[in-house]
């Protein structure tokens, strides 16, 4: 079963897995498709798909995925092969690496940025 969401650029994001608001996971989550997280995860999230976090989500661990859309809290590093979008209610503490970056005016971000410029190469943007 797939859920569908729209990101800020009006693209459809197909969500294959959902961690609901009343769900709390202790341990890493590994999958091959996209995931929407509204609950709490203490552990790393690793997917080749997209990651979308809800406004009430809390993540204590690293996130790796294709495109990553953040609302809510993340304490850990974020690595996206594509775009990282931090929406207005995002609170992120950790280093990020990405091919494209979008941060809303009221989002809070503490950490270092690295632009992925090619196959495995990065350029530091702020330390």
PDB file of N, CA and C in Angstrom:
ATOM      1  N   UNK A   1       0.848  -1.173   0.000  1.00  0.00           N
ATOM      2  CA  UNK A   1       0.000   0.000   0.000  1.00  0.00           C
ATOM      3  C   UNK A   1       0.892   1.235   0.000  1.00  0.00           C
ATOM      4  N   UNK A   2       0.588   2.198  -0.837  1.00  0.00           N
ATOM      5  CA  UNK A   2       1.389   3.424  -0.918  1.00  0.00           C
ATOM      6  C   UNK A   2       0.528   4.625  -0.557  1.00  0.00           C
ATOM      7  N   UNK A   3       1.127   5.558   0.144  1.00  0.00           N
ATOM      8  CA  UNK A   3       0.501   6.828   0.454  1.00  0.00           C
ATOM      9  C   UNK A   3       1.147   7.862  -0.456  1.00  0.00           C
ATOM     10  N   UNK A   4       0.436   8.925  -0.745  1.00  0.00           N
ATOM     11  CA  UNK A   4       0.989   9.963  -1.599  1.00  0.00           C
ATOM     12  C   UNK A   4       0.944  11.300  -0.880  1.00  0.00           C
ATOM     13  N   UNK A   5       2.021  12.056  -1.012  1.00  0.00           N
ATOM     14  CA  UNK A   5       2.120  13.388  -0.426  1.00  0.00           C
ATOM     15  C   UNK A   5       2.666  14.331  -1.482  1.00  0.00           C
ATOM     16  N   UNK A   6       2.476  15.611  -1.269  1.00  0.00           N
ATOM     17  CA  UNK A   6       3.057  16.619  -2.139  1.00  0.00           C
ATOM     18  C   UNK A   6       4.140  17.355  -1.377  1.00  0.00           C
ATOM     19  N   UNK A   7       5.295  17.545  -2.009  1.00  0.00           N
ATOM     20  CA  UNK A   7       6.306  18.365  -1.360  1.00  0.00           C
ATOM     21  C   UNK A   7       6.115  19.812  -1.803  1.00  0.00           C
ATOM     22  N   UNK A   8       6.999  20.712  -1.371  1.00  0.00           N
ATOM     23  CA  UNK A   8       6.834  22.145  -1.633  1.00  0.00           C
ATOM     24  C   UNK A   8       6.867  22.479  -3.118  1.00  0.00           C
ATOM     25  N   UNK A   9       7.515  21.676  -3.918  1.00  0.00           N
ATOM     26  CA  UNK A   9       7.611  21.928  -5.350  1.00  0.00           C
ATOM     27  C   UNK A   9       6.468  21.263  -6.114  1.00  0.00           C
ATOM     28  N   UNK A  10       5.427  20.829  -5.387  1.00  0.00           N
ATOM     29  CA  UNK A  10       4.243  20.175  -5.957  1.00  0.00           C
ATOM     30  C   UNK A  10       4.576  18.887  -6.701  1.00  0.00           C
ATOM     31  N   UNK A  11       5.594  18.194  -6.235  1.00  0.00           N
ATOM     32  CA  UNK A  11       5.895  16.878  -6.765  1.00  0.00           C
ATOM     33  C   UNK A  11       5.238  15.853  -5.866  1.00  0.00           C
ATOM     34  N   UNK A  12       4.773  14.787  -6.444  1.00  0.00           N
ATOM     35  CA  UNK A  12       4.159  13.717  -5.668  1.00  0.00           C
ATOM     36  C   UNK A  12       5.261  12.831  -5.093  1.00  0.00           C
ATOM     37  N   UNK A  13       5.191  12.576  -3.791  1.00  0.00           N
ATOM     38  CA  UNK A  13       6.108  11.671  -3.126  1.00  0.00           C
ATOM     39  C   UNK A  13       5.304  10.449  -2.712  1.00  0.00           C
ATOM     40  N   UNK A  14       5.630   9.292  -3.269  1.00  0.00           N
ATOM     41  CA  UNK A  14       4.941   8.054  -2.910  1.00  0.00           C
ATOM     42  C   UNK A  14       5.556   7.505  -1.627  1.00  0.00           C
ATOM     43  N   UNK A  15       4.733   7.319  -0.617  1.00  0.00           N
ATOM     44  CA  UNK A  15       5.185   6.833   0.678  1.00  0.00           C
ATOM     45  C   UNK A  15       4.793   5.363   0.822  1.00  0.00           C
ATOM     46  N   UNK A  16       5.782   4.506   1.001  1.00  0.00           N
ATOM     47  CA  UNK A  16       5.520   3.068   1.133  1.00  0.00           C
ATOM     48  C   UNK A  16       5.374   2.637   2.584  1.00  0.00           C
ATOM     49  N   UNK A  17       6.071   3.324   3.495  1.00  0.00           N
ATOM     50  CA  UNK A  17       6.045   2.957   4.911  1.00  0.00           C
ATOM     51  C   UNK A  17       5.716   4.181   5.748  1.00  0.00           C
ATOM     52  N   UNK A  18       5.048   3.951   6.873  1.00  0.00           N
ATOM     53  CA  UNK A  18       4.624   5.033   7.742  1.00  0.00           C
ATOM     54  C   UNK A  18       4.904   4.660   9.196  1.00  0.00           C
ATOM     55  N   UNK A  19       5.564   5.573   9.902  1.00  0.00           N
ATOM     56  CA  UNK A  19       5.721   5.451  11.347  1.00  0.00           C
ATOM     57  C   UNK A  19       4.817   6.526  11.933  1.00  0.00           C
ATOM     58  N   UNK A  20       3.717   6.099  12.539  1.00  0.00           N
ATOM     59  CA  UNK A  20       2.687   7.042  12.977  1.00  0.00           C
ATOM     60  C   UNK A  20       3.105   7.808  14.224  1.00  0.00           C
ATOM     61  N   UNK A  21       2.346   8.849  14.532  1.00  0.00           N
ATOM     62  CA  UNK A  21       2.645   9.754  15.638  1.00  0.00           C
ATOM     63  C   UNK A  21       2.713   9.042  16.983  1.00  0.00           C
ATOM     64  N   UNK A  22       1.930   7.996  17.173  1.00  0.00           N
ATOM     65  CA  UNK A  22       1.922   7.286  18.454  1.00  0.00           C
ATOM     66  C   UNK A  22       2.921   6.130  18.498  1.00  0.00           C
ATOM     67  N   UNK A  23       3.793   6.053  17.507  1.00  0.00           N
ATOM     68  CA  UNK A  23       4.765   4.965  17.418  1.00  0.00           C
ATOM     69  C   UNK A  23       6.157   5.461  17.824  1.00  0.00           C
ATOM     70  N   UNK A  24       6.865   4.627  18.592  1.00  0.00           N
ATOM     71  CA  UNK A  24       8.230   4.934  19.014  1.00  0.00           C
ATOM     72  C   UNK A  24       9.098   3.725  18.693  1.00  0.00           C
ATOM     73  N   UNK A  25      10.184   3.967  17.938  1.00  0.00           N
ATOM     74  CA  UNK A  25      11.075   2.878  17.529  1.00  0.00           C
ATOM     75  C   UNK A  25      12.450   3.114  18.125  1.00  0.00           C
ATOM     76  N   UNK A  26      12.988   2.102  18.776  1.00  0.00           N
ATOM     77  CA  UNK A  26      14.350   2.125  19.282  1.00  0.00           C
ATOM     78  C   UNK A  26      15.175   1.161  18.455  1.00  0.00           C
ATOM     79  N   UNK A  27      15.990   1.670  17.572  1.00  0.00           N
ATOM     80  CA  UNK A  27      16.790   0.832  16.668  1.00  0.00           C
ATOM     81  C   UNK A  27      16.757   1.409  15.270  1.00  0.00           C
ATOM     82  N   UNK A  28      17.632   0.929  14.440  1.00  0.00           N
ATOM     83  CA  UNK A  28      17.749   1.451  13.083  1.00  0.00           C
ATOM     84  C   UNK A  28      16.623   0.950  12.195  1.00  0.00           C
ATOM     85  N   UNK A  29      16.282   1.782  11.200  1.00  0.00           N
ATOM     86  CA  UNK A  29      15.256   1.450  10.211  1.00  0.00           C
ATOM     87  C   UNK A  29      15.934   1.429   8.850  1.00  0.00           C
ATOM     88  N   UNK A  30      15.872   0.290   8.160  1.00  0.00           N
ATOM     89  CA  UNK A  30      16.473   0.145   6.835  1.00  0.00           C
ATOM     90  C   UNK A  30      15.391  -0.322   5.875  1.00  0.00           C
ATOM     91  N   UNK A  31      15.267   0.386   4.755  1.00  0.00           N
ATOM     92  CA  UNK A  31      14.271   0.007   3.754  1.00  0.00           C
ATOM     93  C   UNK A  31      14.737   0.465   2.379  1.00  0.00           C
ATOM     94  N   UNK A  32      14.026   0.021   1.342  1.00  0.00           N
ATOM     95  CA  UNK A  32      14.425   0.355  -0.022  1.00  0.00           C
ATOM     96  C   UNK A  32      13.470   1.331  -0.694  1.00  0.00           C
ATOM     97  N   UNK A  33      12.401   1.696  -0.005  1.00  0.00           N
ATOM     98  CA  UNK A  33      11.438   2.637  -0.578  1.00  0.00           C
ATOM     99  C   UNK A  33      11.288   3.829   0.343  1.00  0.00           C
ATOM    100  N   UNK A  34      10.340   4.691   0.052  1.00  0.00           N
ATOM    101  CA  UNK A  34      10.159   5.930   0.807  1.00  0.00           C
ATOM    102  C   UNK A  34       9.409   5.702   2.110  1.00  0.00           C
ATOM    103  N   UNK A  35       9.656   6.613   3.074  1.00  0.00           N
ATOM    104  CA  UNK A  35       9.053   6.489   4.400  1.00  0.00           C
ATOM    105  C   UNK A  35       8.612   7.852   4.898  1.00  0.00           C
ATOM    106  N   UNK A  36       7.493   7.869   5.609  1.00  0.00           N
ATOM    107  CA  UNK A  36       6.992   9.069   6.304  1.00  0.00           C
ATOM    108  C   UNK A  36       7.057   8.764   7.786  1.00  0.00           C
ATOM    109  N   UNK A  37       7.668   9.683   8.552  1.00  0.00           N
ATOM    110  CA  UNK A  37       7.829   9.475   9.982  1.00  0.00           C
ATOM    111  C   UNK A  37       7.107  10.594  10.722  1.00  0.00           C
ATOM    112  N   UNK A  38       6.115  10.214  11.514  1.00  0.00           N
ATOM    113  CA  UNK A  38       5.410  11.158  12.371  1.00  0.00           C
ATOM    114  C   UNK A  38       5.703  10.906  13.840  1.00  0.00           C
ATOM    115  N   UNK A  39       6.332   9.790  14.153  1.00  0.00           N
ATOM    116  CA  UNK A  39       6.607   9.407  15.536  1.00  0.00           C
ATOM    117  C   UNK A  39       8.045   9.670  15.926  1.00  0.00           C
ATOM    118  N   UNK A  40       8.545   8.841  16.849  1.00  0.00           N
ATOM    119  CA  UNK A  40       9.893   9.004  17.390  1.00  0.00           C
ATOM    120  C   UNK A  40      10.751   7.810  16.981  1.00  0.00           C
ATOM    121  N   UNK A  41      11.947   8.102  16.474  1.00  0.00           N
ATOM    122  CA  UNK A  41      12.902   7.066  16.112  1.00  0.00           C
ATOM    123  C   UNK A  41      14.221   7.383  16.806  1.00  0.00           C
ATOM    124  N   UNK A  42      14.708   6.430  17.594  1.00  0.00           N
ATOM    125  CA  UNK A  42      16.035   6.540  18.190  1.00  0.00           C
ATOM    126  C   UNK A  42      16.891   5.489  17.502  1.00  0.00           C
ATOM    127  N   UNK A  43      17.592   5.920  16.476  1.00  0.00           N
ATOM    128  CA  UNK A  43      18.377   5.023  15.631  1.00  0.00           C
ATOM    129  C   UNK A  43      18.473   5.619  14.239  1.00  0.00           C
ATOM    130  N   UNK A  44      19.295   5.032  13.411  1.00  0.00           N
ATOM    131  CA  UNK A  44      19.518   5.553  12.063  1.00  0.00           C
ATOM    132  C   UNK A  44      18.411   5.126  11.107  1.00  0.00           C
ATOM    133  N   UNK A  45      18.198   5.953  10.088  1.00  0.00           N
ATOM    134  CA  UNK A  45      17.235   5.654   9.029  1.00  0.00           C
ATOM    135  C   UNK A  45      18.016   5.601   7.725  1.00  0.00           C
ATOM    136  N   UNK A  46      17.939   4.487   7.023  1.00  0.00           N
ATOM    137  CA  UNK A  46      18.686   4.282   5.791  1.00  0.00           C
ATOM    138  C   UNK A  46      17.737   3.759   4.721  1.00  0.00           C
ATOM    139  N   UNK A  47      17.619   4.512   3.621  1.00  0.00           N
ATOM    140  CA  UNK A  47      16.768   4.096   2.514  1.00  0.00           C
ATOM    141  C   UNK A  47      17.335   4.610   1.199  1.00  0.00           C
ATOM    142  N   UNK A  48      16.989   3.939   0.113  1.00  0.00           N
ATOM    143  CA  UNK A  48      17.327   4.452  -1.209  1.00  0.00           C
ATOM    144  C   UNK A  48      16.188   5.323  -1.737  1.00  0.00           C
ATOM    145  N   UNK A  49      15.081   5.348  -1.008  1.00  0.00           N
ATOM    146  CA  UNK A  49      13.934   6.178  -1.368  1.00  0.00           C
ATOM    147  C   UNK A  49      13.981   7.513  -0.644  1.00  0.00           C
ATOM    148  N   UNK A  50      12.842   8.179  -0.599  1.00  0.00           N
ATOM    149  CA  UNK A  50      12.721   9.481   0.041  1.00  0.00           C
ATOM    150  C   UNK A  50      12.337   9.329   1.504  1.00  0.00           C
ATOM    151  N   UNK A  51      12.664  10.353   2.310  1.00  0.00           N
ATOM    152  CA  UNK A  51      12.293  10.397   3.718  1.00  0.00           C
ATOM    153  C   UNK A  51      11.527  11.692   3.956  1.00  0.00           C
ATOM    154  N   UNK A  52      10.351  11.587   4.574  1.00  0.00           N
ATOM    155  CA  UNK A  52       9.540  12.749   4.928  1.00  0.00           C
ATOM    156  C   UNK A  52       9.262  12.649   6.422  1.00  0.00           C
ATOM    157  N   UNK A  53       9.567  13.725   7.166  1.00  0.00           N
ATOM    158  CA  UNK A  53       9.273  13.709   8.591  1.00  0.00           C
ATOM    159  C   UNK A  53       8.188  14.735   8.896  1.00  0.00           C
ATOM    160  N   UNK A  54       7.296  14.386   9.798  1.00  0.00           N
ATOM    161  CA  UNK A  54       6.186  15.252  10.172  1.00  0.00           C
ATOM    162  C   UNK A  54       6.577  16.259  11.232  1.00  0.00           C
ATOM    163  N   UNK A  55       5.695  17.231  11.459  1.00  0.00           N
ATOM    164  CA  UNK A  55       5.961  18.335  12.386  1.00  0.00           C
ATOM    165  C   UNK A  55       6.179  17.865  13.818  1.00  0.00           C
ATOM    166  N   UNK A  56       5.576  16.755  14.221  1.00  0.00           N
ATOM    167  CA  UNK A  56       5.720  16.260  15.591  1.00  0.00           C
ATOM    168  C   UNK A  56       6.741  15.139  15.712  1.00  0.00           C
ATOM    169  N   UNK A  57       7.440  14.836  14.629  1.00  0.00           N
ATOM    170  CA  UNK A  57       8.414  13.751  14.650  1.00  0.00           C
ATOM    171  C   UNK A  57       9.659  14.143  15.439  1.00  0.00           C
ATOM    172  N   UNK A  58      10.305  13.130  16.002  1.00  0.00           N
ATOM    173  CA  UNK A  58      11.575  13.291  16.707  1.00  0.00           C
ATOM    174  C   UNK A  58      12.483  12.167  16.261  1.00  0.00           C
ATOM    175  N   UNK A  59      13.630  12.549  15.699  1.00  0.00           N
ATOM    176  CA  UNK A  59      14.576  11.548  15.235  1.00  0.00           C
ATOM    177  C   UNK A  59      15.914  11.810  15.903  1.00  0.00           C
ATOM    178  N   UNK A  60      16.432  10.774  16.566  1.00  0.00           N
ATOM    179  CA  UNK A  60      17.735  10.825  17.223  1.00  0.00           C
ATOM    180  C   UNK A  60      18.617   9.792  16.542  1.00  0.00           C
ATOM    181  N   UNK A  61      19.241  10.189  15.452  1.00  0.00           N
ATOM    182  CA  UNK A  61      20.069   9.291  14.660  1.00  0.00           C
ATOM    183  C   UNK A  61      20.300   9.907  13.294  1.00  0.00           C
ATOM    184  N   UNK A  62      21.109   9.249  12.498  1.00  0.00           N
ATOM    185  CA  UNK A  62      21.429   9.742  11.161  1.00  0.00           C
ATOM    186  C   UNK A  62      20.365   9.322  10.156  1.00  0.00           C
ATOM    187  N   UNK A  63      20.164  10.171   9.140  1.00  0.00           N
ATOM    188  CA  UNK A  63      19.205   9.873   8.073  1.00  0.00           C
ATOM    189  C   UNK A  63      19.956   9.873   6.752  1.00  0.00           C
ATOM    190  N   UNK A  64      19.785   8.804   5.973  1.00  0.00           N
ATOM    191  CA  UNK A  64      20.365   8.708   4.639  1.00  0.00           C
ATOM    192  C   UNK A  64      19.257   8.315   3.677  1.00  0.00           C
ATOM    193  N   UNK A  65      19.129   9.073   2.587  1.00  0.00           N
ATOM    194  CA  UNK A  65      18.094   8.786   1.601  1.00  0.00           C
ATOM    195  C   UNK A  65      18.309   9.548   0.319  1.00  0.00           C
ATOM    196  N   UNK A  66      17.321   9.464  -0.559  1.00  0.00           N
ATOM    197  CA  UNK A  66      17.393  10.151  -1.836  1.00  0.00           C
ATOM    198  C   UNK A  66      17.055  11.628  -1.655  1.00  0.00           C
ATOM    199  N   UNK A  67      15.787  11.945  -1.486  1.00  0.00           N
ATOM    200  CA  UNK A  67      15.344  13.299  -1.149  1.00  0.00           C
ATOM    201  C   UNK A  67      14.798  13.249   0.270  1.00  0.00           C
ATOM    202  N   UNK A  68      15.095  14.280   1.068  1.00  0.00           N
ATOM    203  CA  UNK A  68      14.707  14.265   2.475  1.00  0.00           C
ATOM    204  C   UNK A  68      13.999  15.576   2.794  1.00  0.00           C
ATOM    205  N   UNK A  69      12.754  15.469   3.276  1.00  0.00           N
ATOM    206  CA  UNK A  69      11.938  16.625   3.635  1.00  0.00           C
ATOM    207  C   UNK A  69      11.745  16.589   5.145  1.00  0.00           C
ATOM    208  N   UNK A  70      12.228  17.633   5.829  1.00  0.00           N
ATOM    209  CA  UNK A  70      12.253  17.629   7.291  1.00  0.00           C
ATOM    210  C   UNK A  70      11.282  18.659   7.860  1.00  0.00           C
ATOM    211  N   UNK A  71      10.401  18.199   8.722  1.00  0.00           N
ATOM    212  CA  UNK A  71       9.633  18.997   9.676  1.00  0.00           C
ATOM    213  C   UNK A  71       9.916  18.336  11.008  1.00  0.00           C
ATOM    214  N   UNK A  72       9.721  19.014  12.096  1.00  0.00           N
ATOM    215  CA  UNK A  72       9.977  18.382  13.387  1.00  0.00           C
ATOM    216  C   UNK A  72      11.449  18.362  13.707  1.00  0.00           C
ATOM    217  N   UNK A  73      11.843  17.522  14.656  1.00  0.00           N
ATOM    218  CA  UNK A  73      13.200  17.524  15.168  1.00  0.00           C
ATOM    219  C   UNK A  73      14.064  16.394  14.657  1.00  0.00           C
ATOM    220  N   UNK A  74      15.315  16.728  14.338  1.00  0.00           N
ATOM    221  CA  UNK A  74      16.316  15.731  13.968  1.00  0.00           C
ATOM    222  C   UNK A  74      17.606  16.086  14.696  1.00  0.00           C
ATOM    223  N   UNK A  75      18.127  15.129  15.462  1.00  0.00           N
ATOM    224  CA  UNK A  75      19.439  15.264  16.077  1.00  0.00           C
ATOM    225  C   UNK A  75      20.296  14.155  15.493  1.00  0.00           C
ATOM    226  N   UNK A  76      21.115  14.517  14.526  1.00  0.00           N
ATOM    227  CA  UNK A  76      21.938  13.549  13.813  1.00  0.00           C
ATOM    228  C   UNK A  76      22.270  14.088  12.442  1.00  0.00           C
ATOM    229  N   UNK A  77      23.152  13.412  11.747  1.00  0.00           N
ATOM    230  CA  UNK A  77      23.576  13.844  10.420  1.00  0.00           C
ATOM    231  C   UNK A  77      22.565  13.416   9.367  1.00  0.00           C
ATOM    232  N   UNK A  78      22.442  14.230   8.309  1.00  0.00           N
ATOM    233  CA  UNK A  78      21.513  13.950   7.216  1.00  0.00           C
ATOM    234  C   UNK A  78      22.297  13.935   5.916  1.00  0.00           C
ATOM    235  N   UNK A  79      22.122  12.892   5.132  1.00  0.00           N
ATOM    236  CA  UNK A  79      22.810  12.767   3.850  1.00  0.00           C
ATOM    237  C   UNK A  79      21.796  12.404   2.771  1.00  0.00           C
ATOM    238  N   UNK A  80      21.696  13.278   1.750  1.00  0.00           N
ATOM    239  CA  UNK A  80      20.745  13.049   0.661  1.00  0.00           C
ATOM    240  C   UNK A  80      21.487  13.036  -0.671  1.00  0.00           C
ATOM    241  N   UNK A  81      21.201  12.045  -1.493  1.00  0.00           N
ATOM    242  CA  UNK A  81      21.751  12.049  -2.846  1.00  0.00           C
ATOM    243  C   UNK A  81      21.132  13.178  -3.663  1.00  0.00           C
ATOM    244  N   UNK A  82      19.900  13.533  -3.330  1.00  0.00           N
ATOM    245  CA  UNK A  82      19.187  14.609  -4.013  1.00  0.00           C
ATOM    246  C   UNK A  82      19.069  15.830  -3.132  1.00  0.00           C
ATOM    247  N   UNK A  83      17.836  16.242  -2.858  1.00  0.00           N
ATOM    248  CA  UNK A  83      17.540  17.490  -2.155  1.00  0.00           C
ATOM    249  C   UNK A  83      17.228  17.244  -0.680  1.00  0.00           C
ATOM    250  N   UNK A  84      17.702  18.164   0.165  1.00  0.00           N
ATOM    251  CA  UNK A  84      17.246  18.267   1.543  1.00  0.00           C
ATOM    252  C   UNK A  84      16.391  19.518   1.628  1.00  0.00           C
ATOM    253  N   UNK A  85      15.163  19.369   2.123  1.00  0.00           N
ATOM    254  CA  UNK A  85      14.263  20.500   2.351  1.00  0.00           C
ATOM    255  C   UNK A  85      13.945  20.558   3.835  1.00  0.00           C
ATOM    256  N   UNK A  86      14.277  21.686   4.466  1.00  0.00           N
ATOM    257  CA  UNK A  86      13.915  21.910   5.864  1.00  0.00           C
ATOM    258  C   UNK A  86      12.751  22.884   5.876  1.00  0.00           C
ATOM    259  N   UNK A  87      11.590  22.397   6.291  1.00  0.00           N
ATOM    260  CA  UNK A  87      10.391  23.215   6.297  1.00  0.00           C
ATOM    261  C   UNK A  87      10.370  24.131   7.516  1.00  0.00           C
ATOM    262  N   UNK A  88       9.383  24.978   7.605  1.00  0.00           N
ATOM    263  CA  UNK A  88       9.360  26.054   8.601  1.00  0.00           C
ATOM    264  C   UNK A  88       9.463  25.578  10.041  1.00  0.00           C
ATOM    265  N   UNK A  89       8.955  24.389  10.355  1.00  0.00           N
ATOM    266  CA  UNK A  89       8.994  23.913  11.741  1.00  0.00           C
ATOM    267  C   UNK A  89      10.106  22.899  11.993  1.00  0.00           C
ATOM    268  N   UNK A  90      11.079  22.830  11.095  1.00  0.00           N
ATOM    269  CA  UNK A  90      12.211  21.915  11.271  1.00  0.00           C
ATOM    270  C   UNK A  90      13.198  22.462  12.296  1.00  0.00           C
ATOM    271  N   UNK A  91      13.711  21.549  13.127  1.00  0.00           N
ATOM    272  CA  UNK A  91      14.783  21.864  14.073  1.00  0.00           C
ATOM    273  C   UNK A  91      15.830  20.765  13.892  1.00  0.00           C
ATOM    274  N   UNK A  92      16.940  21.103  13.255  1.00  0.00           N
ATOM    275  CA  UNK A  92      17.954  20.120  12.894  1.00  0.00           C
ATOM    276  C   UNK A  92      19.271  20.476  13.570  1.00  0.00           C
ATOM    277  N   UNK A  93      19.850  19.493  14.266  1.00  0.00           N
ATOM    278  CA  UNK A  93      21.175  19.632  14.860  1.00  0.00           C
ATOM    279  C   UNK A  93      22.022  18.489  14.330  1.00  0.00           C
ATOM    280  N   UNK A  94      22.971  18.815  13.461  1.00  0.00           N
ATOM    281  CA  UNK A  94      23.833  17.806  12.858  1.00  0.00           C
ATOM    282  C   UNK A  94      24.352  18.298  11.524  1.00  0.00           C
ATOM    283  N   UNK A  95      25.292  17.576  10.975  1.00  0.00           N
ATOM    284  CA  UNK A  95      25.874  17.936   9.686  1.00  0.00           C
ATOM    285  C   UNK A  95      25.010  17.388   8.558  1.00  0.00           C
ATOM    286  N   UNK A  96      25.002  18.108   7.425  1.00  0.00           N
ATOM    287  CA  UNK A  96      24.198  17.676   6.286  1.00  0.00           C
ATOM    288  C   UNK A  96      25.060  17.641   5.022  1.00  0.00           C
ATOM    289  N   UNK A  97      24.756  16.693   4.139  1.00  0.00           N
ATOM    290  CA  UNK A  97      25.359  16.640   2.807  1.00  0.00           C
ATOM    291  C   UNK A  97      24.242  16.402   1.806  1.00  0.00           C
ATOM    292  N   UNK A  98      24.348  17.024   0.625  1.00  0.00           N
ATOM    293  CA  UNK A  98      23.221  17.095  -0.293  1.00  0.00           C
ATOM    294  C   UNK A  98      23.692  17.504  -1.683  1.00  0.00           C
ATOM    295  N   UNK A  99      22.812  17.308  -2.668  1.00  0.00           N
ATOM    296  CA  UNK A  99      23.027  17.843  -4.013  1.00  0.00           C
ATOM    297  C   UNK A  99      22.281  19.156  -4.190  1.00  0.00           C
ATOM    298  N   UNK A 100      21.178  19.327  -3.463  1.00  0.00           N
ATOM    299  CA  UNK A 100      20.400  20.576  -3.477  1.00  0.00           C
ATOM    300  C   UNK A 100      19.861  20.801  -2.064  1.00  0.00           C
ATOM    301  N   UNK A 101      19.728  22.073  -1.683  1.00  0.00           N
ATOM    302  CA  UNK A 101      19.323  22.404  -0.324  1.00  0.00           C
ATOM    303  C   UNK A 101      18.309  23.527  -0.338  1.00  0.00           C
ATOM    304  N   UNK A 102      17.277  23.368   0.504  1.00  0.00           N
ATOM    305  CA  UNK A 102      16.260  24.399   0.678  1.00  0.00           C
ATOM    306  C   UNK A 102      15.928  24.489   2.163  1.00  0.00           C
ATOM    307  N   UNK A 103      16.078  25.684   2.740  1.00  0.00           N
ATOM    308  CA  UNK A 103      15.783  25.887   4.153  1.00  0.00           C
ATOM    309  C   UNK A 103      14.811  27.049   4.282  1.00  0.00           C
ATOM    310  N   UNK A 104      13.613  26.792   4.828  1.00  0.00           N
ATOM    311  CA  UNK A 104      12.635  27.857   5.060  1.00  0.00           C
ATOM    312  C   UNK A 104      13.180  28.860   6.067  1.00  0.00           C
ATOM    313  N   UNK A 105      12.664  30.075   6.002  1.00  0.00           N
ATOM    314  CA  UNK A 105      13.142  31.166   6.854  1.00  0.00           C
ATOM    315  C   UNK A 105      13.079  30.864   8.341  1.00  0.00           C
ATOM    316  N   UNK A 106      12.053  30.178   8.804  1.00  0.00           N
ATOM    317  CA  UNK A 106      11.900  29.952  10.245  1.00  0.00           C
ATOM    318  C   UNK A 106      12.424  28.595  10.711  1.00  0.00           C
ATOM    319  N   UNK A 107      12.985  27.801   9.801  1.00  0.00           N
ATOM    320  CA  UNK A 107      13.599  26.534  10.197  1.00  0.00           C
ATOM    321  C   UNK A 107      14.854  26.828  11.006  1.00  0.00           C
ATOM    322  N   UNK A 108      15.189  25.917  11.927  1.00  0.00           N
ATOM    323  CA  UNK A 108      16.381  26.073  12.759  1.00  0.00           C
ATOM    324  C   UNK A 108      17.375  24.977  12.400  1.00  0.00           C
ATOM    325  N   UNK A 109      18.611  25.377  12.086  1.00  0.00           N
ATOM    326  CA  UNK A 109      19.646  24.428  11.686  1.00  0.00           C
ATOM    327  C   UNK A 109      20.962  24.790  12.353  1.00  0.00           C
ATOM    328  N   UNK A 110      21.556  23.811  13.037  1.00  0.00           N
ATOM    329  CA  UNK A 110      22.870  23.966  13.656  1.00  0.00           C
ATOM    330  C   UNK A 110      23.739  22.816  13.161  1.00  0.00           C
ATOM    331  N   UNK A 111      24.799  23.149  12.425  1.00  0.00           N
ATOM    332  CA  UNK A 111      25.685  22.117  11.915  1.00  0.00           C
ATOM    333  C   UNK A 111      26.467  22.617  10.727  1.00  0.00           C
ATOM    334  N   UNK A 112      27.152  21.705  10.078  1.00  0.00           N
ATOM    335  CA  UNK A 112      27.944  22.008   8.893  1.00  0.00           C
ATOM    336  C   UNK A 112      27.250  21.493   7.647  1.00  0.00           C
ATOM    337  N   UNK A 113      27.513  22.153   6.517  1.00  0.00           N
ATOM    338  CA  UNK A 113      26.923  21.781   5.236  1.00  0.00           C
ATOM    339  C   UNK A 113      28.012  21.304   4.283  1.00  0.00           C
ATOM    340  N   UNK A 114      27.702  20.288   3.480  1.00  0.00           N
ATOM    341  CA  UNK A 114      28.623  19.828   2.445  1.00  0.00           C
ATOM    342  C   UNK A 114      27.815  19.527   1.189  1.00  0.00           C
ATOM    343  N   UNK A 115      28.149  20.218   0.121  1.00  0.00           N
ATOM    344  CA  UNK A 115      27.513  20.000  -1.172  1.00  0.00           C
ATOM    345  C   UNK A 115      28.166  18.794  -1.836  1.00  0.00           C
ATOM    346  N   UNK A 116      27.348  17.841  -2.257  1.00  0.00           N
ATOM    347  CA  UNK A 116      27.863  16.681  -2.987  1.00  0.00           C
ATOM    348  C   UNK A 116      27.999  17.116  -4.441  1.00  0.00           C
ATOM    349  N   UNK A 117      29.239  17.261  -4.915  1.00  0.00           N
ATOM    350  CA  UNK A 117      29.467  17.810  -6.240  1.00  0.00           C
ATOM    351  C   UNK A 117      29.613  16.768  -7.320  1.00  0.00           C
ATOM    352  N   UNK A 118      29.880  15.563  -6.957  1.00  0.00           N
ATOM    353  CA  UNK A 118      30.045  14.495  -7.947  1.00  0.00           C
ATOM    354  C   UNK A 118      30.007  13.165  -7.247  1.00  0.00           C
ATOM    355  N   UNK A 119      30.462  12.139  -7.908  1.00  0.00           N
ATOM    356  CA  UNK A 119      30.433  10.797  -7.357  1.00  0.00           C
ATOM    357  C   UNK A 119      31.316  10.695  -6.131  1.00  0.00           C
ATOM    358  N   UNK A 120      30.708  10.872  -4.965  1.00  0.00           N
ATOM    359  CA  UNK A 120      31.420  10.716  -3.713  1.00  0.00           C
ATOM    360  C   UNK A 120      32.239  11.915  -3.289  1.00  0.00           C
ATOM    361  N   UNK A 121      32.279  12.990  -4.084  1.00  0.00           N
ATOM    362  CA  UNK A 121      33.054  14.171  -3.731  1.00  0.00           C
ATOM    363  C   UNK A 121      32.153  15.169  -2.999  1.00  0.00           C
ATOM    364  N   UNK A 122      32.729  15.885  -2.037  1.00  0.00           N
ATOM    365  CA  UNK A 122      31.965  16.911  -1.335  1.00  0.00           C
ATOM    366  C   UNK A 122      32.759  18.209  -1.277  1.00  0.00           C
ATOM    367  N   UNK A 123      32.031  19.305  -1.166  1.00  0.00           N
ATOM    368  CA  UNK A 123      32.619  20.615  -0.963  1.00  0.00           C
ATOM    369  C   UNK A 123      32.006  21.192   0.294  1.00  0.00           C
ATOM    370  N   UNK A 124      32.816  21.535   1.280  1.00  0.00           N
ATOM    371  CA  UNK A 124      32.294  22.128   2.515  1.00  0.00           C
ATOM    372  C   UNK A 124      31.850  23.543   2.255  1.00  0.00           C
ATOM    373  N   UNK A 125      30.638  23.873   2.749  1.00  0.00           N
ATOM    374  CA  UNK A 125      30.092  25.213   2.547  1.00  0.00           C
ATOM    375  C   UNK A 125      30.144  26.050   3.797  1.00  0.00           C
ATOM    376  N   UNK A 126      30.225  25.450   4.954  1.00  0.00           N
ATOM    377  CA  UNK A 126      30.253  26.247   6.174  1.00  0.00           C
ATOM    378  C   UNK A 126      30.706  25.421   7.347  1.00  0.00           C
ATOM    379  N   UNK A 127      31.728  25.861   8.004  1.00  0.00           N
ATOM    380  CA  UNK A 127      32.205  25.145   9.187  1.00  0.00           C
ATOM    381  C   UNK A 127      32.426  26.106  10.289  1.00  0.00           C
TER     382      UNK A 127
END
